[in-house]
Protein backbone atom coordinates (compact mmCIF):
# COMPACT_ATOMS: atom_id res chain seq x y z
CA PRO A 1 -15.52 7.55 28.53
CA PRO A 2 -14.80 8.10 24.53
CA GLN A 3 -13.01 5.52 23.05
CA VAL A 4 -10.97 5.38 19.58
CA SER A 5 -10.61 2.61 17.41
CA PHE A 6 -7.85 1.93 14.76
CA THR A 7 -6.53 -0.75 12.60
CA LEU A 8 -2.60 -0.95 12.11
CA GLU A 9 -1.31 -2.44 9.90
CA LEU A 10 2.40 -3.52 9.27
CA GLU A 11 4.48 -4.36 6.06
CA PHE A 12 7.50 -6.75 6.56
CA SER A 13 11.00 -6.77 4.39
CA CYS A 14 11.58 -9.51 2.53
CA SER A 15 14.97 -9.29 3.65
CA VAL A 16 14.54 -9.38 7.40
CA LEU A 17 12.35 -12.22 9.11
CA LEU A 18 11.02 -11.63 12.64
CA ASP A 19 9.27 -13.70 14.93
CA ARG A 20 7.20 -11.34 16.36
CA ALA A 21 6.14 -7.39 16.55
CA GLU A 22 6.92 -5.27 19.57
CA VAL A 23 4.18 -2.39 19.55
CA THR A 24 3.95 0.50 21.94
CA LEU A 25 0.72 2.97 21.90
CA GLU A 26 0.46 5.97 24.38
CA ALA A 27 -1.80 8.96 24.50
CA THR A 28 -1.14 11.85 25.77
CA SER A 29 -3.66 15.56 26.32
CA ASP A 30 -3.56 18.76 27.51
CA SER A 31 -5.21 17.53 30.18
CA THR A 32 -4.93 16.62 33.95
CA GLU A 33 -5.32 13.14 34.32
CA ALA A 34 -6.01 11.16 37.87
CA THR A 35 -4.17 8.31 36.25
CA PRO A 36 -1.86 8.83 33.49
CA GLU A 37 -0.39 5.47 34.06
CA ASP A 38 -3.49 3.53 32.09
CA ASN A 39 -2.50 6.12 28.90
CA VAL A 40 0.31 3.71 28.00
CA VAL A 41 0.17 -0.30 26.18
CA GLN A 42 3.16 -2.45 25.12
CA LEU A 43 1.69 -5.19 22.63
CA SER A 44 3.83 -8.29 21.43
CA VAL A 45 2.42 -10.19 18.61
CA PRO A 46 3.52 -13.13 17.01
CA ILE A 47 4.31 -12.94 13.30
CA ARG A 48 3.11 -15.44 11.11
CA TYR A 49 4.32 -15.21 7.26
CA GLU A 50 2.06 -16.54 4.53
CA PRO A 51 3.37 -18.57 1.88
CA ASP A 52 2.83 -17.91 -2.33
CA LEU A 53 3.38 -22.07 -3.42
CA PHE A 54 3.12 -22.48 -7.06
CA LEU A 55 1.76 -26.31 -8.01
CA SER A 56 1.98 -27.21 -11.20
CA SER A 57 2.42 -30.85 -13.38
CA ASP A 58 3.53 -31.45 -16.88
CA THR A 59 3.48 -34.85 -18.70
CA ASN A 60 4.17 -36.20 -21.77
CA LEU A 61 1.50 -38.29 -22.61
CA GLN A 62 -2.07 -36.03 -23.61
CA ARG A 63 -4.16 -39.27 -24.29
CA TYR A 64 -3.72 -42.47 -22.12
CA GLU A 65 -6.52 -45.74 -24.07
CA LEU A 66 -7.46 -48.39 -21.95
CA HIS A 67 -8.73 -51.89 -23.75
CA SER A 68 -10.87 -54.65 -22.34
CA LEU A 69 -7.70 -56.95 -22.44
CA GLY A 70 -6.46 -54.75 -19.92
CA THR A 71 -2.98 -54.07 -20.81
CA PHE A 72 -1.23 -51.13 -19.93
CA ALA A 73 -0.35 -47.70 -22.22
CA PRO A 74 3.26 -47.00 -23.02
CA GLU A 75 4.95 -46.00 -19.84
CA PHE A 76 5.09 -41.93 -19.34
CA THR A 77 6.43 -39.29 -17.18
CA THR A 78 4.58 -36.73 -15.46
CA THR A 79 6.78 -34.23 -13.46
CA VAL A 80 4.99 -32.01 -10.67
CA LYS A 81 6.87 -29.01 -9.80
CA VAL A 82 6.31 -26.87 -6.41
CA GLN A 83 7.74 -23.07 -6.12
CA ASN A 84 7.91 -20.76 -3.58
CA LEU A 85 7.10 -17.32 -5.67
CA GLY A 86 6.71 -15.38 -1.85
CA CYS A 87 9.91 -13.73 -0.29
CA TYR A 88 9.76 -16.01 2.60
CA PRO A 89 11.37 -19.31 3.35
CA VAL A 90 8.85 -22.39 3.54
CA GLN A 91 9.88 -25.31 5.51
CA ASN A 92 8.35 -28.94 6.53
CA VAL A 93 6.35 -29.08 2.78
CA THR A 94 4.50 -31.94 2.09
CA LEU A 95 2.85 -33.57 -1.30
CA HIS A 96 0.49 -36.33 -1.19
CA MET A 97 -0.89 -37.38 -4.64
CA ALA A 98 -3.57 -39.42 -5.43
CA LEU A 99 -3.82 -41.45 -8.59
CA PRO A 100 -6.11 -43.46 -10.46
CA ALA A 101 -4.40 -46.82 -9.64
CA LEU A 102 -8.02 -49.02 -10.23
CA GLY A 103 -11.31 -48.58 -12.60
CA HIS A 104 -14.43 -49.96 -12.85
CA GLY A 105 -14.33 -53.88 -11.35
CA GLY A 106 -11.29 -53.34 -9.77
CA ALA A 107 -9.45 -53.24 -13.41
CA ALA A 108 -5.94 -51.76 -13.13
CA LEU A 109 -5.49 -48.14 -14.67
CA LEU A 110 -2.19 -47.14 -13.69
CA SER A 111 1.15 -48.70 -12.51
CA VAL A 112 3.77 -46.07 -10.75
CA THR A 113 7.03 -47.83 -11.95
CA ARG A 114 9.53 -45.28 -10.33
CA VAL A 115 9.57 -41.93 -8.14
CA LEU A 116 12.29 -39.47 -8.67
């Protein structure tokens, strides 16, 4: 029997968030069929929204010098910002940061003084 394939593309509103998309497809014909009951299908598809996260950072120190004596440079501040640029809410976001705390021979590079 002949078959038809197609792609159904849906666009969702930012103001109404749905958990599922319910779609009913029905094929009709002017011909007489022996089994018309198989011409209808109902689909239920879970919806997952794609986040649009933007990660940026800024620091008030552009140059960091280490001397052989192992003394630390002046304290500086780095600000990390995570923004949701999309219109869908994002929950349970975790940010992991790896800081270069030790250098060659175990020499201390950085020491975190506080996290705000």
